[in-house]
Structures are given as C-alpha cells and as structure tokens.
PDB file of N, CA and C in Angstrom:
ATOM      1  N   UNK A   1     -10.106  -5.856   5.979  1.00  0.00           N
ATOM      2  CA  UNK A   1      -8.886  -5.589   6.729  1.00  0.00           C
ATOM      3  C   UNK A   1      -7.734  -6.396   6.131  1.00  0.00           C
ATOM      4  N   UNK A   2      -6.629  -5.726   5.903  1.00  0.00           N
ATOM      5  CA  UNK A   2      -5.466  -6.364   5.298  1.00  0.00           C
ATOM      6  C   UNK A   2      -4.858  -7.400   6.239  1.00  0.00           C
ATOM      7  N   UNK A   3      -4.340  -8.458   5.638  1.00  0.00           N
ATOM      8  CA  UNK A   3      -3.775  -9.588   6.385  1.00  0.00           C
ATOM      9  C   UNK A   3      -2.251  -9.582   6.260  1.00  0.00           C
ATOM     10  N   UNK A   4      -1.566  -9.405   7.380  1.00  0.00           N
ATOM     11  CA  UNK A   4      -0.093  -9.408   7.389  1.00  0.00           C
ATOM     12  C   UNK A   4       0.491 -10.677   6.806  1.00  0.00           C
ATOM     13  N   UNK A   5      -0.237 -11.780   6.967  1.00  0.00           N
ATOM     14  CA  UNK A   5       0.262 -13.074   6.489  1.00  0.00           C
ATOM     15  C   UNK A   5       0.054 -13.269   4.989  1.00  0.00           C
ATOM     16  N   UNK A   6      -0.601 -12.320   4.346  1.00  0.00           N
ATOM     17  CA  UNK A   6      -0.863 -12.422   2.905  1.00  0.00           C
ATOM     18  C   UNK A   6      -0.259 -11.238   2.151  1.00  0.00           C
ATOM     19  N   UNK A   7       0.832 -10.694   2.654  1.00  0.00           N
ATOM     20  CA  UNK A   7       1.490  -9.567   1.988  1.00  0.00           C
ATOM     21  C   UNK A   7       1.942  -9.955   0.585  1.00  0.00           C
ATOM     22  N   UNK A   8       1.781  -9.031  -0.341  1.00  0.00           N
ATOM     23  CA  UNK A   8       2.311  -9.228  -1.682  1.00  0.00           C
ATOM     24  C   UNK A   8       3.831  -9.129  -1.606  1.00  0.00           C
ATOM     25  N   UNK A   9       4.513 -10.040  -2.280  1.00  0.00           N
ATOM     26  CA  UNK A   9       5.979 -10.024  -2.312  1.00  0.00           C
ATOM     27  C   UNK A   9       6.469  -8.722  -2.922  1.00  0.00           C
ATOM     28  N   UNK A  10       7.423  -8.098  -2.272  1.00  0.00           N
ATOM     29  CA  UNK A  10       8.025  -6.880  -2.798  1.00  0.00           C
ATOM     30  C   UNK A  10       7.695  -5.629  -2.007  1.00  0.00           C
ATOM     31  N   UNK A  11       6.792  -5.731  -1.012  1.00  0.00           N
ATOM     32  CA  UNK A  11       6.514  -4.577  -0.162  1.00  0.00           C
ATOM     33  C   UNK A  11       7.784  -4.164   0.576  1.00  0.00           C
ATOM     34  N   UNK A  12       8.032  -2.874   0.642  1.00  0.00           N
ATOM     35  CA  UNK A  12       9.162  -2.368   1.425  1.00  0.00           C
ATOM     36  C   UNK A  12       8.934  -2.697   2.895  1.00  0.00           C
ATOM     37  N   UNK A  13       9.979  -3.088   3.576  1.00  0.00           N
ATOM     38  CA  UNK A  13       9.875  -3.421   4.998  1.00  0.00           C
ATOM     39  C   UNK A  13       9.437  -2.194   5.784  1.00  0.00           C
ATOM     40  N   UNK A  14       8.551  -2.414   6.735  1.00  0.00           N
ATOM     41  CA  UNK A  14       8.094  -1.321   7.582  1.00  0.00           C
ATOM     42  C   UNK A  14       6.619  -1.419   7.905  1.00  0.00           C
ATOM     43  N   UNK A  15       6.078  -0.324   8.341  1.00  0.00           N
ATOM     44  CA  UNK A  15       4.723  -0.261   8.877  1.00  0.00           C
ATOM     45  C   UNK A  15       3.633  -0.613   7.865  1.00  0.00           C
ATOM     46  N   UNK A  16       3.643  -0.002   6.688  1.00  0.00           N
ATOM     47  CA  UNK A  16       2.579  -0.203   5.707  1.00  0.00           C
ATOM     48  C   UNK A  16       2.883  -1.381   4.790  1.00  0.00           C
ATOM     49  N   UNK A  17       1.816  -2.054   4.336  1.00  0.00           N
ATOM     50  CA  UNK A  17       1.952  -3.166   3.398  1.00  0.00           C
ATOM     51  C   UNK A  17       0.661  -3.307   2.603  1.00  0.00           C
ATOM     52  N   UNK A  18       0.736  -4.024   1.494  1.00  0.00           N
ATOM     53  CA  UNK A  18      -0.439  -4.350   0.691  1.00  0.00           C
ATOM     54  C   UNK A  18      -0.530  -5.872   0.644  1.00  0.00           C
ATOM     55  N   UNK A  19      -1.756  -6.397   0.800  1.00  0.00           N
ATOM     56  CA  UNK A  19      -1.916  -7.852   0.775  1.00  0.00           C
ATOM     57  C   UNK A  19      -2.542  -8.314  -0.535  1.00  0.00           C
ATOM     58  N   UNK A  20      -2.714  -9.615  -0.650  1.00  0.00           N
ATOM     59  CA  UNK A  20      -3.175 -10.228  -1.894  1.00  0.00           C
ATOM     60  C   UNK A  20      -4.636  -9.954  -2.230  1.00  0.00           C
ATOM     61  N   UNK A  21      -5.365  -9.268  -1.370  1.00  0.00           N
ATOM     62  CA  UNK A  21      -6.742  -8.905  -1.710  1.00  0.00           C
ATOM     63  C   UNK A  21      -6.787  -7.658  -2.587  1.00  0.00           C
ATOM     64  N   UNK A  22      -5.640  -7.095  -2.919  1.00  0.00           N
ATOM     65  CA  UNK A  22      -5.546  -5.900  -3.760  1.00  0.00           C
ATOM     66  C   UNK A  22      -6.165  -6.167  -5.134  1.00  0.00           C
ATOM     67  N   UNK A  23      -6.992  -5.231  -5.585  1.00  0.00           N
ATOM     68  CA  UNK A  23      -7.652  -5.361  -6.884  1.00  0.00           C
ATOM     69  C   UNK A  23      -6.891  -4.652  -8.009  1.00  0.00           C
ATOM     70  N   UNK A  24      -5.741  -4.100  -7.707  1.00  0.00           N
ATOM     71  CA  UNK A  24      -4.896  -3.406  -8.686  1.00  0.00           C
ATOM     72  C   UNK A  24      -5.594  -2.192  -9.297  1.00  0.00           C
ATOM     73  N   UNK A  25      -6.422  -1.513  -8.512  1.00  0.00           N
ATOM     74  CA  UNK A  25      -7.128  -0.334  -9.022  1.00  0.00           C
ATOM     75  C   UNK A  25      -6.198   0.871  -9.180  1.00  0.00           C
ATOM     76  N   UNK A  26      -5.053   0.847  -8.515  1.00  0.00           N
ATOM     77  CA  UNK A  26      -4.018   1.876  -8.595  1.00  0.00           C
ATOM     78  C   UNK A  26      -4.352   3.159  -7.834  1.00  0.00           C
ATOM     79  N   UNK A  27      -5.434   3.177  -7.062  1.00  0.00           N
ATOM     80  CA  UNK A  27      -5.806   4.374  -6.315  1.00  0.00           C
ATOM     81  C   UNK A  27      -4.708   4.774  -5.332  1.00  0.00           C
ATOM     82  N   UNK A  28      -4.101   3.807  -4.669  1.00  0.00           N
ATOM     83  CA  UNK A  28      -3.045   4.137  -3.701  1.00  0.00           C
ATOM     84  C   UNK A  28      -1.882   4.853  -4.372  1.00  0.00           C
ATOM     85  N   UNK A  29      -1.499   4.412  -5.563  1.00  0.00           N
ATOM     86  CA  UNK A  29      -0.401   5.047  -6.280  1.00  0.00           C
ATOM     87  C   UNK A  29      -0.789   6.432  -6.795  1.00  0.00           C
ATOM     88  N   UNK A  30      -2.068   6.633  -7.056  1.00  0.00           N
ATOM     89  CA  UNK A  30      -2.524   7.961  -7.451  1.00  0.00           C
ATOM     90  C   UNK A  30      -2.484   8.921  -6.264  1.00  0.00           C
ATOM     91  N   UNK A  31      -2.817   8.418  -5.077  1.00  0.00           N
ATOM     92  CA  UNK A  31      -2.813   9.245  -3.872  1.00  0.00           C
ATOM     93  C   UNK A  31      -1.395   9.471  -3.366  1.00  0.00           C
ATOM     94  N   UNK A  32      -0.590   8.415  -3.349  1.00  0.00           N
ATOM     95  CA  UNK A  32       0.766   8.484  -2.785  1.00  0.00           C
ATOM     96  C   UNK A  32       1.768   7.842  -3.752  1.00  0.00           C
ATOM     97  N   UNK A  33       2.052   8.507  -4.872  1.00  0.00           N
ATOM     98  CA  UNK A  33       2.911   7.896  -5.895  1.00  0.00           C
ATOM     99  C   UNK A  33       4.350   7.650  -5.464  1.00  0.00           C
ATOM    100  N   UNK A  34       4.816   8.341  -4.461  1.00  0.00           N
ATOM    101  CA  UNK A  34       6.179   8.098  -3.984  1.00  0.00           C
ATOM    102  C   UNK A  34       6.251   6.884  -3.063  1.00  0.00           C
ATOM    103  N   UNK A  35       5.086   6.368  -2.651  1.00  0.00           N
ATOM    104  CA  UNK A  35       5.052   5.292  -1.668  1.00  0.00           C
ATOM    105  C   UNK A  35       4.448   3.986  -2.187  1.00  0.00           C
ATOM    106  N   UNK A  36       3.595   4.057  -3.208  1.00  0.00           N
ATOM    107  CA  UNK A  36       2.929   2.862  -3.741  1.00  0.00           C
ATOM    108  C   UNK A  36       3.105   2.795  -5.249  1.00  0.00           C
ATOM    109  N   UNK A  37       3.114   1.576  -5.794  1.00  0.00           N
ATOM    110  CA  UNK A  37       3.085   1.380  -7.237  1.00  0.00           C
ATOM    111  C   UNK A  37       2.516  -0.003  -7.519  1.00  0.00           C
ATOM    112  N   UNK A  38       2.058  -0.190  -8.755  1.00  0.00           N
ATOM    113  CA  UNK A  38       1.605  -1.512  -9.171  1.00  0.00           C
ATOM    114  C   UNK A  38       2.813  -2.421  -9.350  1.00  0.00           C
ATOM    115  N   UNK A  39       2.600  -3.700  -9.117  1.00  0.00           N
ATOM    116  CA  UNK A  39       3.658  -4.678  -9.347  1.00  0.00           C
ATOM    117  C   UNK A  39       3.966  -4.742 -10.840  1.00  0.00           C
ATOM    118  N   UNK A  40       5.096  -5.297 -11.189  1.00  0.00           N
ATOM    119  CA  UNK A  40       5.499  -5.350 -12.597  1.00  0.00           C
ATOM    120  C   UNK A  40       4.522  -6.159 -13.448  1.00  0.00           C
ATOM    121  N   UNK A  41       3.833  -7.129 -12.842  1.00  0.00           N
ATOM    122  CA  UNK A  41       2.852  -7.906 -13.610  1.00  0.00           C
ATOM    123  C   UNK A  41       1.455  -7.291 -13.553  1.00  0.00           C
ATOM    124  N   UNK A  42       1.296  -6.183 -12.816  1.00  0.00           N
ATOM    125  CA  UNK A  42       0.042  -5.451 -12.781  1.00  0.00           C
ATOM    126  C   UNK A  42      -1.090  -6.103 -12.014  1.00  0.00           C
ATOM    127  N   UNK A  43      -0.771  -7.116 -11.206  1.00  0.00           N
ATOM    128  CA  UNK A  43      -1.834  -7.830 -10.488  1.00  0.00           C
ATOM    129  C   UNK A  43      -2.131  -7.266  -9.108  1.00  0.00           C
ATOM    130  N   UNK A  44      -1.350  -6.318  -8.655  1.00  0.00           N
ATOM    131  CA  UNK A  44      -1.557  -5.719  -7.339  1.00  0.00           C
ATOM    132  C   UNK A  44      -0.603  -4.571  -7.139  1.00  0.00           C
ATOM    133  N   UNK A  45      -0.735  -3.920  -6.002  1.00  0.00           N
ATOM    134  CA  UNK A  45       0.152  -2.812  -5.661  1.00  0.00           C
ATOM    135  C   UNK A  45       1.081  -3.241  -4.526  1.00  0.00           C
ATOM    136  N   UNK A  46       2.149  -2.516  -4.377  1.00  0.00           N
ATOM    137  CA  UNK A  46       3.078  -2.725  -3.265  1.00  0.00           C
ATOM    138  C   UNK A  46       3.508  -1.368  -2.712  1.00  0.00           C
ATOM    139  N   UNK A  47       4.005  -1.412  -1.497  1.00  0.00           N
ATOM    140  CA  UNK A  47       4.634  -0.239  -0.893  1.00  0.00           C
ATOM    141  C   UNK A  47       6.074  -0.230  -1.380  1.00  0.00           C
ATOM    142  N   UNK A  48       6.456   0.848  -2.053  1.00  0.00           N
ATOM    143  CA  UNK A  48       7.829   0.938  -2.548  1.00  0.00           C
ATOM    144  C   UNK A  48       8.724   1.734  -1.606  1.00  0.00           C
ATOM    145  N   UNK A  49       8.092   2.553  -0.762  1.00  0.00           N
ATOM    146  CA  UNK A  49       8.859   3.335   0.211  1.00  0.00           C
ATOM    147  C   UNK A  49       7.937   3.628   1.387  1.00  0.00           C
ATOM    148  N   UNK A  50       8.416   3.350   2.565  1.00  0.00           N
ATOM    149  CA  UNK A  50       7.660   3.673   3.770  1.00  0.00           C
ATOM    150  C   UNK A  50       7.684   5.187   3.981  1.00  0.00           C
ATOM    151  N   UNK A  51       6.645   5.737   4.592  1.00  0.00           N
ATOM    152  CA  UNK A  51       6.620   7.186   4.811  1.00  0.00           C
ATOM    153  C   UNK A  51       7.799   7.639   5.670  1.00  0.00           C
ATOM    154  N   UNK A  52       8.382   8.764   5.268  1.00  0.00           N
ATOM    155  CA  UNK A  52       9.548   9.286   5.969  1.00  0.00           C
ATOM    156  C   UNK A  52       9.347  10.705   6.471  1.00  0.00           C
ATOM    157  N   UNK A  53       8.126  11.181   6.384  1.00  0.00           N
ATOM    158  CA  UNK A  53       7.815  12.523   6.876  1.00  0.00           C
ATOM    159  C   UNK A  53       6.354  12.539   7.307  1.00  0.00           C
ATOM    160  N   UNK A  54       5.965  13.529   8.095  1.00  0.00           N
ATOM    161  CA  UNK A  54       4.549  13.622   8.475  1.00  0.00           C
ATOM    162  C   UNK A  54       3.626  13.727   7.257  1.00  0.00           C
ATOM    163  N   UNK A  55       4.060  14.419   6.224  1.00  0.00           N
ATOM    164  CA  UNK A  55       3.254  14.542   5.013  1.00  0.00           C
ATOM    165  C   UNK A  55       3.059  13.208   4.316  1.00  0.00           C
ATOM    166  N   UNK A  56       4.134  12.431   4.197  1.00  0.00           N
ATOM    167  CA  UNK A  56       4.022  11.104   3.593  1.00  0.00           C
ATOM    168  C   UNK A  56       3.178  10.181   4.465  1.00  0.00           C
ATOM    169  N   UNK A  57       3.319  10.288   5.757  1.00  0.00           N
ATOM    170  CA  UNK A  57       2.500   9.482   6.673  1.00  0.00           C
ATOM    171  C   UNK A  57       1.023   9.778   6.437  1.00  0.00           C
ATOM    172  N   UNK A  58       0.691  11.029   6.264  1.00  0.00           N
ATOM    173  CA  UNK A  58      -0.703  11.428   6.054  1.00  0.00           C
ATOM    174  C   UNK A  58      -1.257  10.877   4.738  1.00  0.00           C
ATOM    175  N   UNK A  59      -0.476  10.944   3.661  1.00  0.00           N
ATOM    176  CA  UNK A  59      -1.003  10.445   2.391  1.00  0.00           C
ATOM    177  C   UNK A  59      -1.054   8.913   2.363  1.00  0.00           C
ATOM    178  N   UNK A  60      -0.156   8.246   3.065  1.00  0.00           N
ATOM    179  CA  UNK A  60      -0.244   6.787   3.155  1.00  0.00           C
ATOM    180  C   UNK A  60      -1.486   6.385   3.948  1.00  0.00           C
ATOM    181  N   UNK A  61      -1.768   7.111   4.992  1.00  0.00           N
ATOM    182  CA  UNK A  61      -2.984   6.867   5.770  1.00  0.00           C
ATOM    183  C   UNK A  61      -4.214   7.108   4.899  1.00  0.00           C
ATOM    184  N   UNK A  62      -4.184   8.154   4.095  1.00  0.00           N
ATOM    185  CA  UNK A  62      -5.293   8.455   3.193  1.00  0.00           C
ATOM    186  C   UNK A  62      -5.479   7.324   2.173  1.00  0.00           C
ATOM    187  N   UNK A  63      -4.371   6.825   1.631  1.00  0.00           N
ATOM    188  CA  UNK A  63      -4.453   5.710   0.685  1.00  0.00           C
ATOM    189  C   UNK A  63      -5.073   4.488   1.356  1.00  0.00           C
ATOM    190  N   UNK A  64      -4.652   4.198   2.567  1.00  0.00           N
ATOM    191  CA  UNK A  64      -5.211   3.058   3.309  1.00  0.00           C
ATOM    192  C   UNK A  64      -6.708   3.229   3.527  1.00  0.00           C
ATOM    193  N   UNK A  65      -7.106   4.395   3.957  1.00  0.00           N
ATOM    194  CA  UNK A  65      -8.519   4.646   4.263  1.00  0.00           C
ATOM    195  C   UNK A  65      -9.407   4.621   3.019  1.00  0.00           C
ATOM    196  N   UNK A  66      -8.843   4.908   1.848  1.00  0.00           N
ATOM    197  CA  UNK A  66      -9.620   4.954   0.620  1.00  0.00           C
ATOM    198  C   UNK A  66      -9.500   3.706  -0.246  1.00  0.00           C
ATOM    199  N   UNK A  67      -8.717   2.733   0.187  1.00  0.00           N
ATOM    200  CA  UNK A  67      -8.542   1.512  -0.593  1.00  0.00           C
ATOM    201  C   UNK A  67      -9.867   0.745  -0.694  1.00  0.00           C
ATOM    202  N   UNK A  68     -10.400   0.566  -1.906  1.00  0.00           N
ATOM    203  CA  UNK A  68     -11.692  -0.096  -2.036  1.00  0.00           C
ATOM    204  C   UNK A  68     -11.656  -1.584  -1.663  1.00  0.00           C
ATOM    205  N   UNK A  69     -10.468  -2.191  -1.710  1.00  0.00           N
ATOM    206  CA  UNK A  69     -10.330  -3.607  -1.346  1.00  0.00           C
ATOM    207  C   UNK A  69      -9.921  -3.811   0.103  1.00  0.00           C
ATOM    208  N   UNK A  70      -9.650  -2.700   0.805  1.00  0.00           N
ATOM    209  CA  UNK A  70      -9.110  -2.764   2.171  1.00  0.00           C
ATOM    210  C   UNK A  70      -7.862  -3.642   2.225  1.00  0.00           C
ATOM    211  N   UNK A  71      -7.035  -3.508   1.184  1.00  0.00           N
ATOM    212  CA  UNK A  71      -5.841  -4.340   1.044  1.00  0.00           C
ATOM    213  C   UNK A  71      -4.585  -3.708   1.646  1.00  0.00           C
ATOM    214  N   UNK A  72      -4.676  -2.463   2.085  1.00  0.00           N
ATOM    215  CA  UNK A  72      -3.528  -1.787   2.683  1.00  0.00           C
ATOM    216  C   UNK A  72      -3.639  -1.920   4.198  1.00  0.00           C
ATOM    217  N   UNK A  73      -2.553  -2.396   4.782  1.00  0.00           N
ATOM    218  CA  UNK A  73      -2.522  -2.527   6.233  1.00  0.00           C
ATOM    219  C   UNK A  73      -1.367  -1.762   6.822  1.00  0.00           C
ATOM    220  N   UNK A  74      -1.413  -1.623   8.118  1.00  0.00           N
ATOM    221  CA  UNK A  74      -0.274  -1.035   8.824  1.00  0.00           C
ATOM    222  C   UNK A  74      -0.083  -1.777  10.129  1.00  0.00           C
ATOM    223  N   UNK A  75       1.142  -1.812  10.542  1.00  0.00           N
ATOM    224  CA  UNK A  75       1.502  -2.528  11.755  1.00  0.00           C
ATOM    225  C   UNK A  75       1.482  -1.617  12.975  1.00  0.00           C
ATOM    226  N   UNK A  76       0.868  -0.449  12.841  1.00  0.00           N
ATOM    227  CA  UNK A  76       0.878   0.501  13.932  1.00  0.00           C
ATOM    228  C   UNK A  76      -0.469   0.634  14.516  1.00  0.00           C
TER     229      UNK A  76
END
C-alpha cells in the first residue's frame, strides 16, 4: 500500500500519487501515458496529470491496481 508520507517529489497535486517504493517498471506510464511518467533520473514514476475524465479515472485506477510495487496511492 502506497504511503502518502513517502510521495516522490514532483507528483501533480490531487488524488493519485506515487511513493518511494516505486520500482520504476514504467507499467503505469504504459497503461496511462497521459497521467504517469518516469522521473527525469529514471528512479521512479510520478503522476504528471490527475485524471480529468471518467476514462482517465478508469485507466489511473487500472494502473494502481496493476502496480507490482503497490506504489500508486489515492486519497479517495
């Protein structure tokens, strides 16, 4: 389970976030490329845009559910 207190710096403000347990596998960015990307140093992923439509909400949820590190959290 992702830890709000261990968010990776650079996550867009809002419901979804990625924490420091991220293994940088890039699966979230493959599932939701408009919402997630790897950090510039490649050590983890961040949320670059919070979902703004039901479709984006669904793919962000899918990314969270499929994260092998369970590093994606949501405040909802």
